[in-house]
Amino acid sequence: MTAPVNPEKVLKDLRDLWQQLASEQSESGVLRACAMTLIVLAEDETDAERVRQTLGVLMHDHPSRAIVLKAADGAGITARVFAECWMPFGRHQQICSEGIEMTADAANLGDVANLLLPLIVPDLPVVLWCRGPRFFSTRYFDPLFPLAQKIIVDSETAPNARGAIAVLKELRARGRRIADLAWTRVTGWRQAVANVFEERPMKISDAKIAWAGPLATRILYFGEWLEACVPAVRVALEHAEGDAGIRAVTLSGKDGSVTVSKAEGCLLEIRAAGHTSRSVLPPTDADSLMRAELSITGADPIFESILK
């Protein structure tokens, strides 16, 4: 049941929720787990449902007090509490994390920020996950930024890749710690190229990135990362056919060339000096990307250097 938001009442509802869970599991008990406050700004009702499903997965590795903010034009601010519970394999005790789902008009996020202050778990990290493209085109989200030590976005939802990166660079210049799931998507490519350099040291002068589909931020990030790794390299972007994303990168210099290309499924193929090998790309579904980002407790110095 939803009700007008009163932080004291929400906290009382959480206490009542834990008492109810404990009474339902009187024999084995319930273990309450919380390592952070995770504030998630969902686009709408449908997106909020997807968030709930993702939280059910994330809580296993990153238990938190989840606060899901659901945007609804013209809506008053309301809230309800919920719990995400699971039972580890071979155990008879449930582990539960708590959540609060709030509905508000995006224009009222200044008021929401004030209401959230008493609902944040003291002395634990606060992460703000802003979903959807609206983050890159409005200033509605600004009141929430001071609440969080880390802000997670996905710039691939933005309609303009270069414009999205410009927004993130401006936020980084204002002292905000930003994480972008688009950057996380190129982890496997960066690891494959780094492994090539370790196994076959060579002087690189040129790099060509073949990409398909619309120009996405992950492609621009990959190019900037190559330029940062090899300051003298000339990076060229070349449109290609195939599924959207990076299709191949060719590194060349006086010592020869190396090509890393997308193979079938989740495989990368590395061709160098007449030899071919393969490596496995990490999964890039939303659950896996968020799990990876929440595992990074401090700053990501490589990504932050890209945003300078």
C-alpha atoms as a PDB file:
ATOM      1  CA  MET A   1       0.000   0.000   0.000  1.00  0.00           C
ATOM      2  CA  THR A   2       1.344   3.451  -0.897  1.00  0.00           C
ATOM      3  CA  ALA A   3       1.091   6.490   1.347  1.00  0.00           C
ATOM      4  CA  PRO A   4       2.370  10.078   1.442  1.00  0.00           C
ATOM      5  CA  VAL A   5       6.044  10.016   2.321  1.00  0.00           C
ATOM      6  CA  ASN A   6       7.063  10.606   5.896  1.00  0.00           C
ATOM      7  CA  PRO A   7      10.631   9.382   6.568  1.00  0.00           C
ATOM      8  CA  GLU A   8       9.819   8.335  10.138  1.00  0.00           C
ATOM      9  CA  LYS A   9       6.851   6.310   8.943  1.00  0.00           C
ATOM     10  CA  VAL A  10       8.916   4.664   6.177  1.00  0.00           C
ATOM     11  CA  LEU A  11      11.535   3.615   8.736  1.00  0.00           C
ATOM     12  CA  LYS A  12       8.772   2.260  10.968  1.00  0.00           C
ATOM     13  CA  ASP A  13       7.354   0.322   8.010  1.00  0.00           C
ATOM     14  CA  LEU A  14      10.810  -1.204   7.469  1.00  0.00           C
ATOM     15  CA  ARG A  15      10.992  -2.287  11.124  1.00  0.00           C
ATOM     16  CA  ASP A  16       7.512  -3.803  10.834  1.00  0.00           C
ATOM     17  CA  LEU A  17       8.583  -5.576   7.638  1.00  0.00           C
ATOM     18  CA  TRP A  18      11.544  -7.204   9.403  1.00  0.00           C
ATOM     19  CA  GLN A  19       9.344  -8.307  12.290  1.00  0.00           C
ATOM     20  CA  GLN A  20       6.933  -9.882   9.791  1.00  0.00           C
ATOM     21  CA  LEU A  21       9.777 -11.674   7.974  1.00  0.00           C
ATOM     22  CA  ALA A  22      11.169 -12.954  11.270  1.00  0.00           C
ATOM     23  CA  SER A  23       7.770 -14.291  12.360  1.00  0.00           C
ATOM     24  CA  GLU A  24       7.296 -16.081   9.019  1.00  0.00           C
ATOM     25  CA  GLN A  25      10.707 -17.742   9.413  1.00  0.00           C
ATOM     26  CA  SER A  26      10.541 -18.411  13.154  1.00  0.00           C
ATOM     27  CA  GLU A  27      12.455 -21.711  12.983  1.00  0.00           C
ATOM     28  CA  SER A  28      15.428 -20.785  10.799  1.00  0.00           C
ATOM     29  CA  GLY A  29      15.368 -17.004  11.242  1.00  0.00           C
ATOM     30  CA  VAL A  30      16.225 -14.251   8.779  1.00  0.00           C
ATOM     31  CA  LEU A  31      19.649 -12.689   8.278  1.00  0.00           C
ATOM     32  CA  ARG A  32      19.483  -8.968   7.505  1.00  0.00           C
ATOM     33  CA  ALA A  33      22.185  -7.927   5.012  1.00  0.00           C
ATOM     34  CA  CYS A  34      23.207  -4.422   3.954  1.00  0.00           C
ATOM     35  CA  ALA A  35      26.496  -3.154   2.530  1.00  0.00           C
ATOM     36  CA  MET A  36      25.343   0.122   0.959  1.00  0.00           C
ATOM     37  CA  THR A  37      22.417   2.334   0.035  1.00  0.00           C
ATOM     38  CA  LEU A  38      21.614   1.886  -3.655  1.00  0.00           C
ATOM     39  CA  ILE A  39      19.355   4.613  -5.049  1.00  0.00           C
ATOM     40  CA  VAL A  40      17.928   3.726  -8.468  1.00  0.00           C
ATOM     41  CA  LEU A  41      16.118   6.256 -10.631  1.00  0.00           C
ATOM     42  CA  ALA A  42      13.782   4.317 -12.944  1.00  0.00           C
ATOM     43  CA  GLU A  43      12.238   5.792 -16.073  1.00  0.00           C
ATOM     44  CA  ASP A  44       8.661   4.623 -15.459  1.00  0.00           C
ATOM     45  CA  GLU A  45       6.550   1.767 -14.075  1.00  0.00           C
ATOM     46  CA  THR A  46       7.808  -0.746 -16.647  1.00  0.00           C
ATOM     47  CA  ASP A  47      11.414   0.193 -15.979  1.00  0.00           C
ATOM     48  CA  ALA A  48      10.837  -0.026 -12.216  1.00  0.00           C
ATOM     49  CA  GLU A  49       9.735  -3.641 -12.672  1.00  0.00           C
ATOM     50  CA  ARG A  50      12.954  -4.394 -14.564  1.00  0.00           C
ATOM     51  CA  VAL A  51      14.890  -2.742 -11.741  1.00  0.00           C
ATOM     52  CA  ARG A  52      13.217  -5.000  -9.188  1.00  0.00           C
ATOM     53  CA  GLN A  53      14.262  -8.058 -11.201  1.00  0.00           C
ATOM     54  CA  THR A  54      17.852  -6.799 -11.417  1.00  0.00           C
ATOM     55  CA  LEU A  55      17.935  -6.039  -7.693  1.00  0.00           C
ATOM     56  CA  GLY A  56      16.886  -9.614  -7.003  1.00  0.00           C
ATOM     57  CA  VAL A  57      20.112 -10.699  -8.716  1.00  0.00           C
ATOM     58  CA  LEU A  58      22.413  -7.962  -7.407  1.00  0.00           C
ATOM     59  CA  MET A  59      21.439  -8.416  -3.774  1.00  0.00           C
ATOM     60  CA  HIS A  60      23.179 -11.802  -3.627  1.00  0.00           C
ATOM     61  CA  ASP A  61      26.594 -10.198  -4.099  1.00  0.00           C
ATOM     62  CA  HIS A  62      25.839  -6.614  -3.087  1.00  0.00           C
ATOM     63  CA  PRO A  63      23.134  -6.539  -0.393  1.00  0.00           C
ATOM     64  CA  SER A  64      21.842  -3.038   0.128  1.00  0.00           C
ATOM     65  CA  ARG A  65      18.997  -0.842   1.190  1.00  0.00           C
ATOM     66  CA  ALA A  66      17.601  -0.227  -2.287  1.00  0.00           C
ATOM     67  CA  ILE A  67      15.588   2.932  -2.885  1.00  0.00           C
ATOM     68  CA  VAL A  68      13.815   2.801  -6.250  1.00  0.00           C
ATOM     69  CA  LEU A  69      12.599   6.200  -7.456  1.00  0.00           C
ATOM     70  CA  LYS A  70       9.914   5.834 -10.115  1.00  0.00           C
ATOM     71  CA  ALA A  71       9.319   8.881 -12.302  1.00  0.00           C
ATOM     72  CA  ALA A  72       5.685   9.717 -13.098  1.00  0.00           C
ATOM     73  CA  ASP A  73       4.651  13.067 -14.568  1.00  0.00           C
ATOM     74  CA  GLY A  74       2.413  15.002 -12.202  1.00  0.00           C
ATOM     75  CA  ALA A  75       2.582  12.367  -9.451  1.00  0.00           C
ATOM     76  CA  GLY A  76       2.739  13.211  -5.779  1.00  0.00           C
ATOM     77  CA  ILE A  77       5.490  11.675  -3.672  1.00  0.00           C
ATOM     78  CA  THR A  78       4.489   8.278  -2.286  1.00  0.00           C
ATOM     79  CA  ALA A  79       6.407   5.301  -0.899  1.00  0.00           C
ATOM     80  CA  ARG A  80       6.120   1.632   0.031  1.00  0.00           C
ATOM     81  CA  VAL A  81       8.602  -0.858   1.482  1.00  0.00           C
ATOM     82  CA  PHE A  82       9.609  -4.304   0.222  1.00  0.00           C
ATOM     83  CA  ALA A  83      12.200  -7.019   0.806  1.00  0.00           C
ATOM     84  CA  GLU A  84      14.379  -9.124  -1.495  1.00  0.00           C
ATOM     85  CA  CYS A  85      15.104 -12.535   0.076  1.00  0.00           C
ATOM     86  CA  TRP A  86      17.070 -15.587  -0.994  1.00  0.00           C
ATOM     87  CA  MET A  87      18.327 -18.798   0.550  1.00  0.00           C
ATOM     88  CA  PRO A  88      21.937 -19.761  -0.281  1.00  0.00           C
ATOM     89  CA  PHE A  89      22.418 -23.285  -1.555  1.00  0.00           C
ATOM     90  CA  GLY A  90      22.774 -25.765   1.290  1.00  0.00           C
ATOM     91  CA  ARG A  91      21.531 -23.283   3.909  1.00  0.00           C
ATOM     92  CA  HIS A  92      18.248 -23.154   5.792  1.00  0.00           C
ATOM     93  CA  GLN A  93      18.342 -19.496   6.747  1.00  0.00           C
ATOM     94  CA  GLN A  94      16.985 -16.784   4.467  1.00  0.00           C
ATOM     95  CA  ILE A  95      19.083 -13.698   3.722  1.00  0.00           C
ATOM     96  CA  CYS A  96      17.066 -10.547   3.083  1.00  0.00           C
ATOM     97  CA  SER A  97      17.756  -6.995   1.965  1.00  0.00           C
ATOM     98  CA  GLU A  98      15.264  -4.212   2.291  1.00  0.00           C
ATOM     99  CA  GLY A  99      13.914  -1.752  -0.228  1.00  0.00           C
ATOM    100  CA  ILE A 100      11.823   1.358  -0.588  1.00  0.00           C
ATOM    101  CA  GLU A 101       9.941   2.179  -3.778  1.00  0.00           C
ATOM    102  CA  MET A 102       9.000   5.830  -4.232  1.00  0.00           C
ATOM    103  CA  THR A 103       6.960   7.560  -6.926  1.00  0.00           C
ATOM    104  CA  ALA A 104       7.508  11.219  -7.773  1.00  0.00           C
ATOM    105  CA  ASP A 105       7.438  13.714 -10.586  1.00  0.00           C
ATOM    106  CA  ALA A 106      10.981  14.193 -11.939  1.00  0.00           C
ATOM    107  CA  ALA A 107      10.582  17.939 -11.375  1.00  0.00           C
ATOM    108  CA  ASN A 108      10.237  17.290  -7.611  1.00  0.00           C
ATOM    109  CA  LEU A 109      13.569  15.523  -7.088  1.00  0.00           C
ATOM    110  CA  GLY A 110      14.768  18.426  -4.952  1.00  0.00           C
ATOM    111  CA  ASP A 111      12.059  17.588  -2.410  1.00  0.00           C
ATOM    112  CA  VAL A 112      12.799  13.883  -2.798  1.00  0.00           C
ATOM    113  CA  ALA A 113      16.485  14.456  -1.996  1.00  0.00           C
ATOM    114  CA  ASN A 114      15.542  16.022   1.340  1.00  0.00           C
ATOM    115  CA  LEU A 115      13.230  13.103   2.142  1.00  0.00           C
ATOM    116  CA  LEU A 116      15.957  10.585   1.302  1.00  0.00           C
ATOM    117  CA  LEU A 117      18.510  11.932   3.771  1.00  0.00           C
ATOM    118  CA  PRO A 118      16.996  10.149   6.828  1.00  0.00           C
ATOM    119  CA  LEU A 119      16.470   6.968   4.761  1.00  0.00           C
ATOM    120  CA  ILE A 120      20.142   6.495   3.822  1.00  0.00           C
ATOM    121  CA  VAL A 121      21.914   3.861   5.917  1.00  0.00           C
ATOM    122  CA  PRO A 122      24.468   5.670   8.100  1.00  0.00           C
ATOM    123  CA  ASP A 123      28.209   5.023   7.643  1.00  0.00           C
ATOM    124  CA  LEU A 124      27.806   2.960   4.465  1.00  0.00           C
ATOM    125  CA  PRO A 125      28.482   3.926   0.827  1.00  0.00           C
ATOM    126  CA  VAL A 126      25.714   5.501  -1.240  1.00  0.00           C
ATOM    127  CA  VAL A 127      25.461   4.696  -4.956  1.00  0.00           C
ATOM    128  CA  LEU A 128      23.072   6.467  -7.339  1.00  0.00           C
ATOM    129  CA  TRP A 129      22.091   4.546 -10.484  1.00  0.00           C
ATOM    130  CA  CYS A 130      20.425   6.816 -13.071  1.00  0.00           C
ATOM    131  CA  ARG A 131      18.758   4.811 -15.833  1.00  0.00           C
ATOM    132  CA  GLY A 132      17.653   5.944 -19.273  1.00  0.00           C
ATOM    133  CA  PRO A 133      18.493   8.850 -21.582  1.00  0.00           C
ATOM    134  CA  ARG A 134      16.820  11.620 -19.571  1.00  0.00           C
ATOM    135  CA  PHE A 135      19.955  11.928 -17.418  1.00  0.00           C
ATOM    136  CA  PHE A 136      21.808  13.434 -20.409  1.00  0.00           C
ATOM    137  CA  SER A 137      19.226  16.055 -21.367  1.00  0.00           C
ATOM    138  CA  THR A 138      17.866  17.563 -18.134  1.00  0.00           C
ATOM    139  CA  ARG A 139      19.100  18.977 -14.832  1.00  0.00           C
ATOM    140  CA  TYR A 140      16.350  17.239 -12.828  1.00  0.00           C
ATOM    141  CA  PHE A 141      18.849  14.800 -11.349  1.00  0.00           C
ATOM    142  CA  ASP A 142      21.210  17.403  -9.896  1.00  0.00           C
ATOM    143  CA  PRO A 143      19.629  17.527  -6.392  1.00  0.00           C
ATOM    144  CA  LEU A 144      20.362  13.811  -5.933  1.00  0.00           C
ATOM    145  CA  PHE A 145      24.073  14.023  -6.771  1.00  0.00           C
ATOM    146  CA  PRO A 146      25.265  15.263  -3.334  1.00  0.00           C
ATOM    147  CA  LEU A 147      23.706  12.185  -1.707  1.00  0.00           C
ATOM    148  CA  ALA A 148      25.973   9.702  -3.491  1.00  0.00           C
ATOM    149  CA  GLN A 149      29.667   8.912  -3.500  1.00  0.00           C
ATOM    150  CA  LYS A 150      29.264   7.233  -6.908  1.00  0.00           C
ATOM    151  CA  ILE A 151      26.885   7.867  -9.813  1.00  0.00           C
ATOM    152  CA  ILE A 152      26.291   5.069 -12.343  1.00  0.00           C
ATOM    153  CA  VAL A 153      24.821   5.813 -15.790  1.00  0.00           C
ATOM    154  CA  ASP A 154      24.597   4.121 -19.174  1.00  0.00           C
ATOM    155  CA  SER A 155      25.580   6.591 -21.885  1.00  0.00           C
ATOM    156  CA  GLU A 156      24.524   4.164 -24.623  1.00  0.00           C
ATOM    157  CA  THR A 157      20.921   5.119 -23.891  1.00  0.00           C
ATOM    158  CA  ALA A 158      21.703   8.729 -24.908  1.00  0.00           C
ATOM    159  CA  PRO A 159      20.772   9.803 -28.463  1.00  0.00           C
ATOM    160  CA  ASN A 160      24.140  11.505 -29.057  1.00  0.00           C
ATOM    161  CA  ALA A 161      27.346   9.695 -28.057  1.00  0.00           C
ATOM    162  CA  ARG A 162      29.700  12.688 -28.131  1.00  0.00           C
ATOM    163  CA  GLY A 163      27.163  14.854 -26.318  1.00  0.00           C
ATOM    164  CA  ALA A 164      26.748  12.201 -23.605  1.00  0.00           C
ATOM    165  CA  ILE A 165      30.496  12.035 -22.984  1.00  0.00           C
ATOM    166  CA  ALA A 166      30.596  15.836 -22.799  1.00  0.00           C
ATOM    167  CA  VAL A 167      27.936  15.731 -20.059  1.00  0.00           C
ATOM    168  CA  LEU A 168      29.945  13.160 -18.093  1.00  0.00           C
ATOM    169  CA  LYS A 169      33.162  15.148 -18.461  1.00  0.00           C
ATOM    170  CA  GLU A 170      31.399  18.234 -17.125  1.00  0.00           C
ATOM    171  CA  LEU A 171      30.122  16.277 -14.101  1.00  0.00           C
ATOM    172  CA  ARG A 172      33.595  14.845 -13.499  1.00  0.00           C
ATOM    173  CA  ALA A 173      35.016  18.386 -13.601  1.00  0.00           C
ATOM    174  CA  ARG A 174      32.486  19.295 -10.885  1.00  0.00           C
ATOM    175  CA  GLY A 175      33.981  16.608  -8.659  1.00  0.00           C
ATOM    176  CA  ARG A 176      31.383  13.863  -9.171  1.00  0.00           C
ATOM    177  CA  ARG A 177      32.598  10.252  -9.313  1.00  0.00           C
ATOM    178  CA  ILE A 178      31.027   8.823 -12.446  1.00  0.00           C
ATOM    179  CA  ALA A 179      30.769   5.234 -13.656  1.00  0.00           C
ATOM    180  CA  ASP A 180      29.421   4.444 -17.124  1.00  0.00           C
ATOM    181  CA  LEU A 181      28.164   0.978 -18.067  1.00  0.00           C
ATOM    182  CA  ALA A 182      29.223   1.758 -21.645  1.00  0.00           C
ATOM    183  CA  TRP A 183      32.829   1.824 -20.391  1.00  0.00           C
ATOM    184  CA  THR A 184      32.279  -1.460 -18.558  1.00  0.00           C
ATOM    185  CA  ARG A 185      31.146  -3.035 -21.857  1.00  0.00           C
ATOM    186  CA  VAL A 186      34.629  -2.603 -23.374  1.00  0.00           C
ATOM    187  CA  THR A 187      36.409  -4.368 -20.495  1.00  0.00           C
ATOM    188  CA  GLY A 188      36.832  -7.584 -22.488  1.00  0.00           C
ATOM    189  CA  TRP A 189      38.237  -5.731 -25.512  1.00  0.00           C
ATOM    190  CA  ARG A 190      40.682  -3.780 -23.344  1.00  0.00           C
ATOM    191  CA  GLN A 191      41.836  -6.961 -21.620  1.00  0.00           C
ATOM    192  CA  ALA A 192      42.380  -8.717 -24.955  1.00  0.00           C
ATOM    193  CA  VAL A 193      44.463  -5.841 -26.349  1.00  0.00           C
ATOM    194  CA  ALA A 194      46.444  -5.529 -23.099  1.00  0.00           C
ATOM    195  CA  ASN A 195      47.215  -9.256 -23.248  1.00  0.00           C
ATOM    196  CA  VAL A 196      48.473  -8.843 -26.831  1.00  0.00           C
ATOM    197  CA  PHE A 197      50.935  -6.169 -25.691  1.00  0.00           C
ATOM    198  CA  GLU A 198      52.129  -8.373 -22.825  1.00  0.00           C
ATOM    199  CA  GLU A 199      52.656 -11.433 -25.004  1.00  0.00           C
ATOM    200  CA  ARG A 200      53.996  -9.620 -28.082  1.00  0.00           C
ATOM    201  CA  PRO A 201      55.667  -6.283 -27.264  1.00  0.00           C
ATOM    202  CA  MET A 202      55.623  -4.110 -30.391  1.00  0.00           C
ATOM    203  CA  LYS A 203      55.812  -0.482 -31.348  1.00  0.00           C
ATOM    204  CA  ILE A 204      52.377   0.642 -32.534  1.00  0.00           C
ATOM    205  CA  SER A 205      51.896   3.669 -34.774  1.00  0.00           C
ATOM    206  CA  ASP A 206      48.369   3.119 -36.086  1.00  0.00           C
ATOM    207  CA  ALA A 207      45.124   1.646 -34.766  1.00  0.00           C
ATOM    208  CA  LYS A 208      41.943   1.083 -36.766  1.00  0.00           C
ATOM    209  CA  ILE A 209      38.671   0.381 -34.974  1.00  0.00           C
ATOM    210  CA  ALA A 210      35.922  -1.163 -37.113  1.00  0.00           C
ATOM    211  CA  TRP A 211      32.438  -0.657 -35.686  1.00  0.00           C
ATOM    212  CA  ALA A 212      28.860  -1.331 -36.783  1.00  0.00           C
ATOM    213  CA  GLY A 213      25.492   0.236 -36.040  1.00  0.00           C
ATOM    214  CA  PRO A 214      25.130   3.749 -34.636  1.00  0.00           C
ATOM    215  CA  LEU A 215      28.182   5.475 -33.197  1.00  0.00           C
ATOM    216  CA  ALA A 216      28.093   4.463 -29.522  1.00  0.00           C
ATOM    217  CA  THR A 217      30.047   5.813 -26.572  1.00  0.00           C
ATOM    218  CA  ARG A 218      31.813   2.479 -26.049  1.00  0.00           C
ATOM    219  CA  ILE A 219      33.509   2.945 -29.441  1.00  0.00           C
ATOM    220  CA  LEU A 220      34.688   6.447 -28.545  1.00  0.00           C
ATOM    221  CA  TYR A 221      35.865   5.239 -25.131  1.00  0.00           C
ATOM    222  CA  PHE A 222      37.846   2.424 -26.726  1.00  0.00           C
ATOM    223  CA  GLY A 223      39.547   4.859 -29.099  1.00  0.00           C
ATOM    224  CA  GLU A 224      40.427   7.265 -26.286  1.00  0.00           C
ATOM    225  CA  TRP A 225      41.774   4.381 -24.201  1.00  0.00           C
ATOM    226  CA  LEU A 226      44.069   3.313 -27.057  1.00  0.00           C
ATOM    227  CA  GLU A 227      45.340   6.873 -27.422  1.00  0.00           C
ATOM    228  CA  ALA A 228      45.996   7.027 -23.681  1.00  0.00           C
ATOM    229  CA  CYS A 229      47.860   3.693 -23.707  1.00  0.00           C
ATOM    230  CA  VAL A 230      50.003   4.559 -26.742  1.00  0.00           C
ATOM    231  CA  PRO A 231      50.276   8.384 -26.865  1.00  0.00           C
ATOM    232  CA  ALA A 232      51.849   8.433 -30.373  1.00  0.00           C
ATOM    233  CA  VAL A 233      49.242   6.159 -31.962  1.00  0.00           C
ATOM    234  CA  ARG A 234      46.920   7.398 -34.692  1.00  0.00           C
ATOM    235  CA  VAL A 235      43.416   6.011 -34.127  1.00  0.00           C
ATOM    236  CA  ALA A 236      40.979   5.766 -37.047  1.00  0.00           C
ATOM    237  CA  LEU A 237      37.309   4.771 -36.829  1.00  0.00           C
ATOM    238  CA  GLU A 238      35.879   2.773 -39.729  1.00  0.00           C
ATOM    239  CA  HIS A 239      32.232   1.827 -40.147  1.00  0.00           C
ATOM    240  CA  ALA A 240      31.615  -1.851 -40.915  1.00  0.00           C
ATOM    241  CA  GLU A 241      28.777  -4.330 -41.365  1.00  0.00           C
ATOM    242  CA  GLY A 242      27.468  -6.641 -38.673  1.00  0.00           C
ATOM    243  CA  ASP A 243      25.914  -6.430 -35.232  1.00  0.00           C
ATOM    244  CA  ALA A 244      26.157  -3.064 -33.483  1.00  0.00           C
ATOM    245  CA  GLY A 245      29.312  -2.370 -31.509  1.00  0.00           C
ATOM    246  CA  ILE A 246      33.022  -2.897 -31.963  1.00  0.00           C
ATOM    247  CA  ARG A 247      33.746  -5.457 -34.673  1.00  0.00           C
ATOM    248  CA  ALA A 248      37.553  -5.402 -34.798  1.00  0.00           C
ATOM    249  CA  VAL A 249      40.667  -3.438 -33.911  1.00  0.00           C
ATOM    250  CA  THR A 250      43.879  -3.647 -35.937  1.00  0.00           C
ATOM    251  CA  LEU A 251      47.137  -2.451 -34.386  1.00  0.00           C
ATOM    252  CA  SER A 252      50.038  -1.916 -36.764  1.00  0.00           C
ATOM    253  CA  GLY A 253      53.593  -0.664 -36.734  1.00  0.00           C
ATOM    254  CA  LYS A 254      57.040  -1.393 -38.116  1.00  0.00           C
ATOM    255  CA  ASP A 255      57.078  -4.752 -36.257  1.00  0.00           C
ATOM    256  CA  GLY A 256      53.922  -6.006 -37.985  1.00  0.00           C
ATOM    257  CA  SER A 257      50.243  -5.989 -37.106  1.00  0.00           C
ATOM    258  CA  VAL A 258      47.760  -7.603 -34.741  1.00  0.00           C
ATOM    259  CA  THR A 259      44.001  -7.884 -35.264  1.00  0.00           C
ATOM    260  CA  VAL A 260      41.458  -8.564 -32.541  1.00  0.00           C
ATOM    261  CA  SER A 261      38.015  -9.236 -34.004  1.00  0.00           C
ATOM    262  CA  LYS A 262      34.598 -10.342 -32.855  1.00  0.00           C
ATOM    263  CA  ALA A 263      33.980 -14.019 -33.560  1.00  0.00           C
ATOM    264  CA  GLU A 264      30.799 -16.009 -33.057  1.00  0.00           C
ATOM    265  CA  GLY A 265      28.979 -15.780 -29.763  1.00  0.00           C
ATOM    266  CA  CYS A 266      30.985 -14.167 -26.981  1.00  0.00           C
ATOM    267  CA  LEU A 267      34.413 -14.916 -28.442  1.00  0.00           C
ATOM    268  CA  LEU A 268      37.211 -12.648 -29.627  1.00  0.00           C
ATOM    269  CA  GLU A 269      39.718 -13.869 -32.201  1.00  0.00           C
ATOM    270  CA  ILE A 270      43.318 -12.618 -32.011  1.00  0.00           C
ATOM    271  CA  ARG A 271      45.495 -12.917 -35.110  1.00  0.00           C
ATOM    272  CA  ALA A 272      49.207 -12.079 -34.889  1.00  0.00           C
ATOM    273  CA  ALA A 273      52.348 -13.294 -36.682  1.00  0.00           C
ATOM    274  CA  GLY A 274      50.483 -16.114 -38.400  1.00  0.00           C
ATOM    275  CA  HIS A 275      49.007 -17.428 -35.169  1.00  0.00           C
ATOM    276  CA  THR A 276      45.351 -17.362 -34.115  1.00  0.00           C
ATOM    277  CA  SER A 277      43.963 -17.580 -30.588  1.00  0.00           C
ATOM    278  CA  ARG A 278      40.647 -16.847 -28.941  1.00  0.00           C
ATOM    279  CA  SER A 279      39.453 -15.305 -25.706  1.00  0.00           C
ATOM    280  CA  VAL A 280      36.036 -15.082 -24.065  1.00  0.00           C
ATOM    281  CA  LEU A 281      34.274 -11.762 -23.620  1.00  0.00           C
ATOM    282  CA  PRO A 282      32.677 -11.203 -20.206  1.00  0.00           C
ATOM    283  CA  PRO A 283      28.854 -10.979 -20.221  1.00  0.00           C
ATOM    284  CA  THR A 284      27.388  -7.551 -20.953  1.00  0.00           C
ATOM    285  CA  ASP A 285      23.822  -7.950 -19.708  1.00  0.00           C
ATOM    286  CA  ALA A 286      22.611  -5.284 -17.264  1.00  0.00           C
ATOM    287  CA  ASP A 287      22.911  -7.583 -14.236  1.00  0.00           C
ATOM    288  CA  SER A 288      26.540  -8.475 -14.991  1.00  0.00           C
ATOM    289  CA  LEU A 289      27.534  -4.884 -15.775  1.00  0.00           C
ATOM    290  CA  MET A 290      26.026  -3.590 -12.533  1.00  0.00           C
ATOM    291  CA  ARG A 291      27.586  -6.421 -10.537  1.00  0.00           C
ATOM    292  CA  ALA A 292      30.979  -5.434 -11.937  1.00  0.00           C
ATOM    293  CA  GLU A 293      30.494  -1.728 -11.205  1.00  0.00           C
ATOM    294  CA  LEU A 294      29.287  -2.266  -7.649  1.00  0.00           C
ATOM    295  CA  SER A 295      32.423  -4.343  -7.023  1.00  0.00           C
ATOM    296  CA  ILE A 296      34.570  -1.245  -7.639  1.00  0.00           C
ATOM    297  CA  THR A 297      34.520   0.503  -4.289  1.00  0.00           C
ATOM    298  CA  GLY A 298      37.003   3.256  -5.099  1.00  0.00           C
ATOM    299  CA  ALA A 299      37.702   5.427  -8.107  1.00  0.00           C
ATOM    300  CA  ASP A 300      38.509   3.940 -11.522  1.00  0.00           C
ATOM    301  CA  PRO A 301      41.634   5.957 -12.390  1.00  0.00           C
ATOM    302  CA  ILE A 302      41.747   4.792 -16.013  1.00  0.00           C
ATOM    303  CA  PHE A 303      38.158   5.825 -16.712  1.00  0.00           C
ATOM    304  CA  GLU A 304      38.598   9.086 -14.831  1.00  0.00           C
ATOM    305  CA  SER A 305      41.600   9.902 -17.012  1.00  0.00           C
ATOM    306  CA  ILE A 306      39.389   9.355 -20.071  1.00  0.00           C
ATOM    307  CA  LEU A 307      36.887  11.899 -18.725  1.00  0.00           C
ATOM    308  CA  LYS A 308      39.468  14.652 -18.203  1.00  0.00           C
END
